[in-house]
N, C-alpha and C. Protein backbone atom coordinates (compact mmCIF):
# COMPACT_ATOMS: atom_id res chain seq x y z
N UNK A 1 0.85 -1.16 0.00
CA UNK A 1 0.00 0.00 0.00
C UNK A 1 0.90 1.23 0.00
N UNK A 2 0.78 2.03 -1.04
CA UNK A 2 1.67 3.17 -1.21
C UNK A 2 1.47 4.23 -0.13
N UNK A 3 0.26 4.78 -0.05
CA UNK A 3 -0.02 5.76 0.99
C UNK A 3 -1.48 5.65 1.40
N UNK A 4 -1.74 6.09 2.59
CA UNK A 4 -3.10 6.01 3.13
C UNK A 4 -3.77 7.35 2.87
N UNK A 5 -4.71 7.34 1.94
CA UNK A 5 -5.33 8.56 1.45
C UNK A 5 -6.08 9.33 2.54
N UNK A 6 -6.86 8.61 3.35
CA UNK A 6 -7.68 9.34 4.33
C UNK A 6 -6.81 10.02 5.39
N UNK A 7 -5.70 9.40 5.76
CA UNK A 7 -4.83 10.02 6.76
C UNK A 7 -4.15 11.26 6.18
N UNK A 8 -3.73 11.17 4.94
CA UNK A 8 -3.13 12.32 4.28
C UNK A 8 -4.14 13.46 4.19
N UNK A 9 -5.37 13.11 3.83
CA UNK A 9 -6.41 14.11 3.70
C UNK A 9 -6.72 14.78 5.04
N UNK A 10 -6.81 13.98 6.09
CA UNK A 10 -7.07 14.54 7.42
C UNK A 10 -5.94 15.47 7.85
N UNK A 11 -4.72 15.09 7.53
CA UNK A 11 -3.55 15.90 7.89
C UNK A 11 -3.56 17.22 7.12
N UNK A 12 -3.83 17.14 5.80
CA UNK A 12 -3.85 18.36 4.97
C UNK A 12 -4.91 19.34 5.44
N UNK A 13 -6.02 18.85 5.93
CA UNK A 13 -7.11 19.71 6.38
C UNK A 13 -7.09 19.97 7.88
N UNK A 14 -6.04 19.54 8.54
CA UNK A 14 -5.88 19.72 9.99
C UNK A 14 -7.11 19.25 10.75
N UNK A 15 -7.58 18.06 10.40
CA UNK A 15 -8.74 17.48 11.06
C UNK A 15 -8.29 16.42 12.06
N UNK A 16 -8.92 16.39 13.19
CA UNK A 16 -8.68 15.34 14.16
C UNK A 16 -9.76 14.28 13.97
N UNK A 17 -9.37 13.01 13.88
CA UNK A 17 -10.37 11.97 13.63
C UNK A 17 -11.37 11.86 14.79
N UNK A 18 -11.03 12.37 15.95
CA UNK A 18 -11.96 12.34 17.09
C UNK A 18 -13.13 13.30 16.90
N UNK A 19 -12.96 14.25 15.99
CA UNK A 19 -14.01 15.23 15.73
C UNK A 19 -14.98 14.78 14.64
N UNK A 20 -14.65 13.67 13.97
CA UNK A 20 -15.51 13.16 12.90
C UNK A 20 -16.72 12.43 13.49
N UNK A 21 -17.69 12.17 12.65
CA UNK A 21 -18.85 11.39 13.09
C UNK A 21 -18.41 10.02 13.55
N UNK A 22 -19.16 9.46 14.49
CA UNK A 22 -18.80 8.17 15.08
C UNK A 22 -18.69 7.03 14.07
N UNK A 23 -19.60 6.91 13.07
CA UNK A 23 -19.44 5.83 12.09
C UNK A 23 -18.13 5.93 11.29
N UNK A 24 -17.71 7.17 11.01
CA UNK A 24 -16.45 7.35 10.29
C UNK A 24 -15.28 6.99 11.21
N UNK A 25 -15.38 7.37 12.47
CA UNK A 25 -14.33 7.00 13.43
C UNK A 25 -14.21 5.49 13.54
N UNK A 26 -15.36 4.80 13.54
CA UNK A 26 -15.36 3.34 13.62
C UNK A 26 -14.66 2.73 12.41
N UNK A 27 -14.94 3.26 11.23
CA UNK A 27 -14.30 2.75 10.01
C UNK A 27 -12.79 2.97 10.06
N UNK A 28 -12.38 4.12 10.56
CA UNK A 28 -10.94 4.40 10.66
C UNK A 28 -10.29 3.44 11.66
N UNK A 29 -10.98 3.14 12.75
CA UNK A 29 -10.45 2.20 13.73
C UNK A 29 -10.31 0.80 13.13
N UNK A 30 -11.32 0.39 12.35
CA UNK A 30 -11.25 -0.91 11.66
C UNK A 30 -10.09 -0.92 10.68
N UNK A 31 -9.93 0.18 9.94
CA UNK A 31 -8.82 0.28 8.99
C UNK A 31 -7.48 0.12 9.72
N UNK A 32 -7.32 0.81 10.84
CA UNK A 32 -6.06 0.74 11.59
C UNK A 32 -5.77 -0.69 12.07
N UNK A 33 -6.81 -1.38 12.53
CA UNK A 33 -6.63 -2.77 12.97
C UNK A 33 -6.23 -3.67 11.81
N UNK A 34 -6.90 -3.49 10.67
CA UNK A 34 -6.57 -4.30 9.49
C UNK A 34 -5.16 -3.98 9.00
N UNK A 35 -4.77 -2.73 9.04
CA UNK A 35 -3.45 -2.33 8.59
C UNK A 35 -2.36 -2.96 9.47
N UNK A 36 -2.65 -3.07 10.77
CA UNK A 36 -1.70 -3.69 11.70
C UNK A 36 -1.52 -5.18 11.38
N UNK A 37 -2.53 -5.80 10.79
CA UNK A 37 -2.44 -7.22 10.44
C UNK A 37 -1.52 -7.49 9.26
N UNK A 38 -1.21 -6.47 8.47
CA UNK A 38 -0.37 -6.66 7.28
C UNK A 38 0.95 -7.34 7.60
N UNK A 39 1.54 -7.03 8.74
CA UNK A 39 2.82 -7.59 9.11
C UNK A 39 2.72 -9.05 9.56
N UNK A 40 1.53 -9.47 9.95
CA UNK A 40 1.39 -10.81 10.52
C UNK A 40 0.86 -11.85 9.54
N UNK A 41 0.29 -11.43 8.41
CA UNK A 41 -0.30 -12.40 7.48
C UNK A 41 0.74 -12.87 6.48
N UNK A 42 0.49 -14.03 5.90
CA UNK A 42 1.40 -14.58 4.91
C UNK A 42 1.25 -13.82 3.60
N UNK A 43 2.23 -14.02 2.71
CA UNK A 43 2.19 -13.34 1.41
C UNK A 43 0.94 -13.71 0.62
N UNK A 44 0.46 -14.94 0.81
CA UNK A 44 -0.74 -15.39 0.09
C UNK A 44 -1.96 -14.55 0.48
N UNK A 45 -2.06 -14.24 1.75
CA UNK A 45 -3.23 -13.52 2.25
C UNK A 45 -3.05 -12.00 2.17
N UNK A 46 -1.81 -11.54 1.96
CA UNK A 46 -1.53 -10.12 1.95
C UNK A 46 -2.23 -9.41 0.80
N UNK A 47 -2.32 -10.04 -0.36
CA UNK A 47 -2.96 -9.41 -1.52
C UNK A 47 -4.42 -9.08 -1.26
N UNK A 48 -5.15 -10.04 -0.68
CA UNK A 48 -6.55 -9.81 -0.36
C UNK A 48 -6.71 -8.70 0.68
N UNK A 49 -5.85 -8.71 1.68
CA UNK A 49 -5.92 -7.70 2.73
C UNK A 49 -5.63 -6.31 2.17
N UNK A 50 -4.66 -6.22 1.25
CA UNK A 50 -4.36 -4.92 0.65
C UNK A 50 -5.54 -4.40 -0.16
N UNK A 51 -6.22 -5.28 -0.88
CA UNK A 51 -7.39 -4.87 -1.64
C UNK A 51 -8.49 -4.35 -0.71
N UNK A 52 -8.72 -5.06 0.38
CA UNK A 52 -9.74 -4.63 1.35
C UNK A 52 -9.37 -3.29 1.97
N UNK A 53 -8.08 -3.10 2.26
CA UNK A 53 -7.63 -1.83 2.83
C UNK A 53 -7.83 -0.68 1.85
N UNK A 54 -7.53 -0.91 0.58
CA UNK A 54 -7.72 0.13 -0.44
C UNK A 54 -9.19 0.52 -0.53
N UNK A 55 -10.07 -0.46 -0.54
CA UNK A 55 -11.51 -0.19 -0.62
C UNK A 55 -11.99 0.58 0.60
N UNK A 56 -11.56 0.16 1.78
CA UNK A 56 -11.98 0.83 3.01
C UNK A 56 -11.44 2.26 3.07
N UNK A 57 -10.20 2.46 2.61
CA UNK A 57 -9.61 3.78 2.57
C UNK A 57 -10.45 4.72 1.70
N UNK A 58 -10.84 4.25 0.51
CA UNK A 58 -11.67 5.07 -0.38
C UNK A 58 -13.06 5.30 0.21
N UNK A 59 -13.59 4.29 0.89
CA UNK A 59 -14.90 4.44 1.52
C UNK A 59 -14.87 5.51 2.62
N UNK A 60 -13.79 5.53 3.39
CA UNK A 60 -13.63 6.54 4.43
C UNK A 60 -13.55 7.93 3.81
N UNK A 61 -12.79 8.05 2.71
CA UNK A 61 -12.69 9.33 2.02
C UNK A 61 -14.04 9.81 1.52
N UNK A 62 -14.81 8.88 0.94
CA UNK A 62 -16.14 9.24 0.44
C UNK A 62 -17.05 9.70 1.57
N UNK A 63 -16.99 9.01 2.71
CA UNK A 63 -17.81 9.41 3.86
C UNK A 63 -17.44 10.80 4.37
N UNK A 64 -16.14 11.08 4.44
CA UNK A 64 -15.70 12.40 4.90
C UNK A 64 -16.16 13.46 3.91
N UNK A 65 -16.05 13.16 2.63
CA UNK A 65 -16.48 14.09 1.59
C UNK A 65 -17.97 14.38 1.70
N UNK A 66 -18.76 13.34 1.93
CA UNK A 66 -20.21 13.50 2.05
C UNK A 66 -20.59 14.44 3.19
N UNK A 67 -19.93 14.29 4.31
CA UNK A 67 -20.30 15.04 5.50
C UNK A 67 -19.66 16.42 5.60
N UNK A 68 -18.43 16.55 5.11
CA UNK A 68 -17.66 17.76 5.41
C UNK A 68 -17.16 18.51 4.18
N UNK A 69 -17.63 18.18 2.99
CA UNK A 69 -17.10 18.77 1.75
C UNK A 69 -17.14 20.28 1.75
N UNK A 70 -18.21 20.88 2.21
CA UNK A 70 -18.34 22.33 2.15
C UNK A 70 -17.53 23.06 3.22
N UNK A 71 -17.04 22.34 4.22
CA UNK A 71 -16.33 22.97 5.33
C UNK A 71 -14.82 22.84 5.24
N UNK A 72 -14.32 22.08 4.24
CA UNK A 72 -12.90 21.78 4.18
C UNK A 72 -12.14 22.76 3.30
N UNK A 73 -10.90 23.04 3.71
CA UNK A 73 -10.06 23.99 3.01
C UNK A 73 -9.37 23.35 1.80
N UNK A 74 -8.73 22.21 2.00
CA UNK A 74 -8.02 21.52 0.93
C UNK A 74 -8.82 20.30 0.50
N UNK A 75 -9.93 20.52 -0.13
CA UNK A 75 -10.83 19.42 -0.49
C UNK A 75 -10.40 18.81 -1.82
N UNK A 76 -9.53 17.82 -1.74
CA UNK A 76 -9.01 17.15 -2.93
C UNK A 76 -9.50 15.73 -3.02
N UNK A 77 -10.62 15.44 -2.39
CA UNK A 77 -11.11 14.06 -2.37
C UNK A 77 -11.49 13.61 -3.76
N UNK A 78 -12.13 14.47 -4.55
CA UNK A 78 -12.57 14.05 -5.88
C UNK A 78 -11.39 13.54 -6.70
N UNK A 79 -10.25 14.24 -6.62
CA UNK A 79 -9.07 13.80 -7.35
C UNK A 79 -8.59 12.44 -6.84
N UNK A 80 -8.57 12.27 -5.56
CA UNK A 80 -8.12 11.00 -4.98
C UNK A 80 -9.06 9.87 -5.35
N UNK A 81 -10.37 10.15 -5.42
CA UNK A 81 -11.33 9.11 -5.75
C UNK A 81 -11.27 8.74 -7.23
N UNK A 82 -10.90 9.69 -8.07
CA UNK A 82 -10.82 9.41 -9.50
C UNK A 82 -9.59 8.59 -9.84
N UNK A 83 -8.53 8.74 -9.07
CA UNK A 83 -7.32 7.96 -9.31
C UNK A 83 -7.58 6.50 -8.99
N UNK A 84 -7.01 5.63 -9.80
CA UNK A 84 -7.14 4.21 -9.50
C UNK A 84 -6.11 3.85 -8.44
N UNK A 85 -6.50 3.12 -7.42
CA UNK A 85 -5.57 2.79 -6.35
C UNK A 85 -4.43 1.91 -6.86
N UNK A 86 -3.25 2.14 -6.33
CA UNK A 86 -2.07 1.37 -6.71
C UNK A 86 -1.85 0.29 -5.67
N UNK A 87 -1.94 -0.95 -6.10
CA UNK A 87 -1.72 -2.08 -5.19
C UNK A 87 -0.32 -2.61 -5.37
N UNK A 88 0.24 -3.12 -4.30
CA UNK A 88 1.52 -3.80 -4.43
C UNK A 88 1.33 -5.00 -5.33
N UNK A 89 2.34 -5.31 -6.07
CA UNK A 89 2.23 -6.42 -7.00
C UNK A 89 2.60 -7.72 -6.29
N UNK A 90 1.75 -8.12 -5.37
CA UNK A 90 1.98 -9.31 -4.56
C UNK A 90 1.91 -10.57 -5.40
N UNK A 91 1.03 -10.60 -6.39
CA UNK A 91 0.86 -11.79 -7.23
C UNK A 91 2.16 -12.13 -7.95
N UNK A 92 2.86 -11.13 -8.46
CA UNK A 92 4.10 -11.40 -9.15
C UNK A 92 5.16 -11.90 -8.19
N UNK A 93 5.19 -11.36 -6.99
CA UNK A 93 6.15 -11.83 -6.00
C UNK A 93 5.90 -13.30 -5.68
N UNK A 94 4.63 -13.68 -5.53
CA UNK A 94 4.30 -15.08 -5.22
C UNK A 94 4.78 -15.99 -6.34
N UNK A 95 4.58 -15.59 -7.59
CA UNK A 95 4.94 -16.42 -8.72
C UNK A 95 6.44 -16.67 -8.75
N UNK A 96 7.24 -15.66 -8.46
CA UNK A 96 8.68 -15.81 -8.55
C UNK A 96 9.25 -16.56 -7.36
N UNK A 97 8.55 -16.56 -6.22
CA UNK A 97 9.07 -17.20 -5.03
C UNK A 97 8.53 -18.61 -4.81
N UNK A 98 7.66 -19.10 -5.70
CA UNK A 98 7.06 -20.41 -5.49
C UNK A 98 8.12 -21.52 -5.62
N UNK A 99 8.16 -22.41 -4.65
CA UNK A 99 9.04 -23.57 -4.77
C UNK A 99 8.57 -24.48 -5.91
N UNK A 100 9.49 -25.30 -6.42
CA UNK A 100 9.23 -26.09 -7.61
C UNK A 100 8.27 -27.26 -7.37
N UNK A 101 8.35 -27.91 -6.24
CA UNK A 101 7.50 -29.09 -6.03
C UNK A 101 6.83 -29.06 -4.66
N UNK A 102 5.96 -30.04 -4.44
CA UNK A 102 5.18 -30.08 -3.21
C UNK A 102 6.05 -30.19 -1.96
N UNK A 103 7.07 -31.03 -2.02
CA UNK A 103 7.94 -31.21 -0.86
C UNK A 103 8.67 -29.90 -0.53
N UNK A 104 9.08 -29.16 -1.54
CA UNK A 104 9.75 -27.87 -1.32
C UNK A 104 8.79 -26.87 -0.67
N UNK A 105 7.52 -26.91 -1.06
CA UNK A 105 6.52 -26.02 -0.47
C UNK A 105 6.37 -26.33 1.02
N UNK A 106 6.25 -27.61 1.34
CA UNK A 106 6.12 -28.01 2.75
C UNK A 106 7.39 -27.67 3.54
N UNK A 107 8.54 -27.86 2.91
CA UNK A 107 9.81 -27.53 3.57
C UNK A 107 9.87 -26.04 3.90
N UNK A 108 9.40 -25.21 2.98
CA UNK A 108 9.38 -23.76 3.21
C UNK A 108 8.43 -23.40 4.36
N UNK A 109 7.26 -24.04 4.41
CA UNK A 109 6.32 -23.79 5.51
C UNK A 109 6.93 -24.17 6.85
N UNK A 110 7.61 -25.32 6.90
CA UNK A 110 8.23 -25.77 8.15
C UNK A 110 9.34 -24.80 8.54
N UNK A 111 10.13 -24.36 7.57
CA UNK A 111 11.22 -23.42 7.84
C UNK A 111 10.68 -22.11 8.42
N UNK A 112 9.52 -21.67 7.94
CA UNK A 112 8.90 -20.44 8.43
C UNK A 112 8.20 -20.65 9.78
N UNK A 113 8.03 -21.90 10.19
CA UNK A 113 7.34 -22.19 11.45
C UNK A 113 5.83 -22.21 11.29
N UNK A 114 5.37 -22.25 10.09
CA UNK A 114 3.92 -22.24 9.81
C UNK A 114 3.47 -23.69 9.59
N UNK A 115 3.22 -24.41 10.67
CA UNK A 115 2.90 -25.83 10.56
C UNK A 115 1.53 -26.20 11.14
N UNK A 116 0.84 -25.28 11.76
CA UNK A 116 -0.45 -25.57 12.38
C UNK A 116 -1.55 -24.69 11.78
N UNK A 117 -2.76 -25.27 11.73
CA UNK A 117 -3.95 -24.54 11.31
C UNK A 117 -3.78 -23.87 9.94
N UNK A 118 -3.29 -24.63 8.98
CA UNK A 118 -3.09 -24.12 7.63
C UNK A 118 -4.32 -24.47 6.80
N UNK A 119 -4.89 -23.48 6.14
CA UNK A 119 -6.09 -23.68 5.33
C UNK A 119 -5.73 -24.41 4.03
N UNK A 120 -6.68 -25.18 3.53
CA UNK A 120 -6.49 -25.86 2.25
C UNK A 120 -6.26 -24.88 1.12
N UNK A 121 -6.93 -23.73 1.19
CA UNK A 121 -6.76 -22.71 0.15
C UNK A 121 -5.33 -22.15 0.15
N UNK A 122 -4.70 -22.12 1.31
CA UNK A 122 -3.32 -21.64 1.39
C UNK A 122 -2.40 -22.58 0.62
N UNK A 123 -2.63 -23.89 0.78
CA UNK A 123 -1.83 -24.86 0.02
C UNK A 123 -2.03 -24.66 -1.48
N UNK A 124 -3.28 -24.45 -1.90
CA UNK A 124 -3.54 -24.22 -3.34
C UNK A 124 -2.85 -22.96 -3.82
N UNK A 125 -2.92 -21.90 -3.02
CA UNK A 125 -2.28 -20.63 -3.39
C UNK A 125 -0.77 -20.78 -3.53
N UNK A 126 -0.20 -21.61 -2.69
CA UNK A 126 1.24 -21.84 -2.75
C UNK A 126 1.64 -22.75 -3.91
N UNK A 127 0.66 -23.42 -4.52
CA UNK A 127 0.95 -24.25 -5.68
C UNK A 127 1.07 -25.73 -5.39
N UNK A 128 0.57 -26.19 -4.24
CA UNK A 128 0.62 -27.61 -3.91
C UNK A 128 -0.26 -28.38 -4.89
N UNK A 129 0.32 -29.41 -5.52
CA UNK A 129 -0.41 -30.16 -6.53
C UNK A 129 -1.02 -31.46 -5.99
N UNK A 130 -0.48 -31.99 -4.91
CA UNK A 130 -0.98 -33.23 -4.33
C UNK A 130 -2.37 -33.04 -3.75
N UNK A 131 -3.21 -34.06 -3.92
CA UNK A 131 -4.54 -34.03 -3.33
C UNK A 131 -4.40 -34.39 -1.85
N UNK A 132 -4.95 -33.54 -0.99
CA UNK A 132 -4.82 -33.74 0.45
C UNK A 132 -6.02 -34.50 1.00
N UNK A 133 -5.73 -35.55 1.76
CA UNK A 133 -6.77 -36.32 2.44
C UNK A 133 -6.63 -36.11 3.93
N UNK A 134 -7.10 -37.10 4.69
CA UNK A 134 -6.98 -37.00 6.14
C UNK A 134 -5.53 -37.14 6.58
N UNK A 135 -4.77 -37.95 5.87
CA UNK A 135 -3.36 -38.12 6.17
C UNK A 135 -2.64 -38.32 4.83
N UNK A 136 -1.83 -37.37 4.46
CA UNK A 136 -1.15 -37.41 3.17
C UNK A 136 0.35 -37.32 3.40
N UNK A 137 1.09 -38.23 2.79
CA UNK A 137 2.54 -38.23 2.89
C UNK A 137 3.13 -37.62 1.62
N UNK A 138 3.96 -36.60 1.80
CA UNK A 138 4.63 -35.95 0.68
C UNK A 138 6.10 -35.86 1.04
N UNK A 139 6.92 -36.72 0.41
CA UNK A 139 8.35 -36.75 0.71
C UNK A 139 8.59 -37.09 2.16
N UNK A 140 9.33 -36.23 2.85
CA UNK A 140 9.64 -36.48 4.26
C UNK A 140 8.66 -35.77 5.20
N UNK A 141 7.48 -35.38 4.68
CA UNK A 141 6.48 -34.69 5.47
C UNK A 141 5.15 -35.43 5.46
N UNK A 142 4.40 -35.26 6.55
CA UNK A 142 3.06 -35.80 6.65
C UNK A 142 2.11 -34.63 6.90
N UNK A 143 1.07 -34.54 6.06
CA UNK A 143 0.07 -33.48 6.18
C UNK A 143 -1.19 -34.13 6.73
N UNK A 144 -1.64 -33.66 7.90
CA UNK A 144 -2.77 -34.26 8.59
C UNK A 144 -3.90 -33.24 8.68
N UNK A 145 -5.09 -33.66 8.28
CA UNK A 145 -6.27 -32.79 8.41
C UNK A 145 -6.69 -32.79 9.86
N UNK A 146 -6.93 -31.61 10.42
CA UNK A 146 -7.21 -31.49 11.85
C UNK A 146 -8.64 -31.09 12.17
N UNK A 147 -9.44 -30.82 11.15
CA UNK A 147 -10.80 -30.36 11.39
C UNK A 147 -11.77 -31.15 10.53
N UNK A 148 -12.94 -31.45 11.08
CA UNK A 148 -13.95 -32.22 10.37
C UNK A 148 -14.73 -31.33 9.40
N UNK A 149 -15.12 -30.17 9.83
CA UNK A 149 -15.99 -29.31 9.03
C UNK A 149 -15.24 -28.26 8.21
N UNK A 150 -13.97 -28.07 8.48
CA UNK A 150 -13.17 -27.11 7.73
C UNK A 150 -11.91 -27.80 7.23
N UNK A 151 -11.37 -27.31 6.15
CA UNK A 151 -10.15 -27.87 5.61
C UNK A 151 -8.95 -27.19 6.26
N UNK A 152 -8.56 -27.70 7.42
CA UNK A 152 -7.40 -27.19 8.17
C UNK A 152 -6.41 -28.34 8.35
N UNK A 153 -5.15 -28.03 8.20
CA UNK A 153 -4.11 -29.06 8.21
C UNK A 153 -2.95 -28.67 9.09
N UNK A 154 -2.18 -29.71 9.49
CA UNK A 154 -0.92 -29.52 10.17
C UNK A 154 0.14 -30.25 9.38
N UNK A 155 1.34 -29.73 9.36
CA UNK A 155 2.45 -30.35 8.66
C UNK A 155 3.42 -30.89 9.69
N UNK A 156 3.80 -32.18 9.54
CA UNK A 156 4.75 -32.81 10.46
C UNK A 156 5.90 -33.39 9.66
N UNK A 157 7.08 -33.29 10.20
CA UNK A 157 8.25 -33.92 9.55
C UNK A 157 8.31 -35.37 10.03
N UNK A 158 8.49 -36.27 9.11
CA UNK A 158 8.53 -37.69 9.46
C UNK A 158 9.91 -38.06 9.95
């Protein structure tokens, strides 16, 4: 995420977010919480989170514009809303960093310490080609499904 539009706008207009309407304050608080998650999520999930953050940022700008457009000194929201948001190119990074085979993918997960509560979609995003069952052996690793109603797995080294 290049820059946070609503924060820049609030700064340019010398607005304190505590003075905004409560629903806008709530959205800003949600945005801040989501933004803090960027450092903790995997690269696979980062792209989706960045898209959600961009949408929420624009939504906050639109709400501020709706309520305070006539009272603001540096009202440049229209320009910001017309610009298309610039997202980090996470998809290209994933493509270049993908390990060649299933065992290499599992080895990378173990090396990162990401061995519990892994979603089936995460394996697909990483490029795992093996079909996962309740207990699947891939090279020197065993992938065990840990949930009945959800596709959650743990990776163990044999």
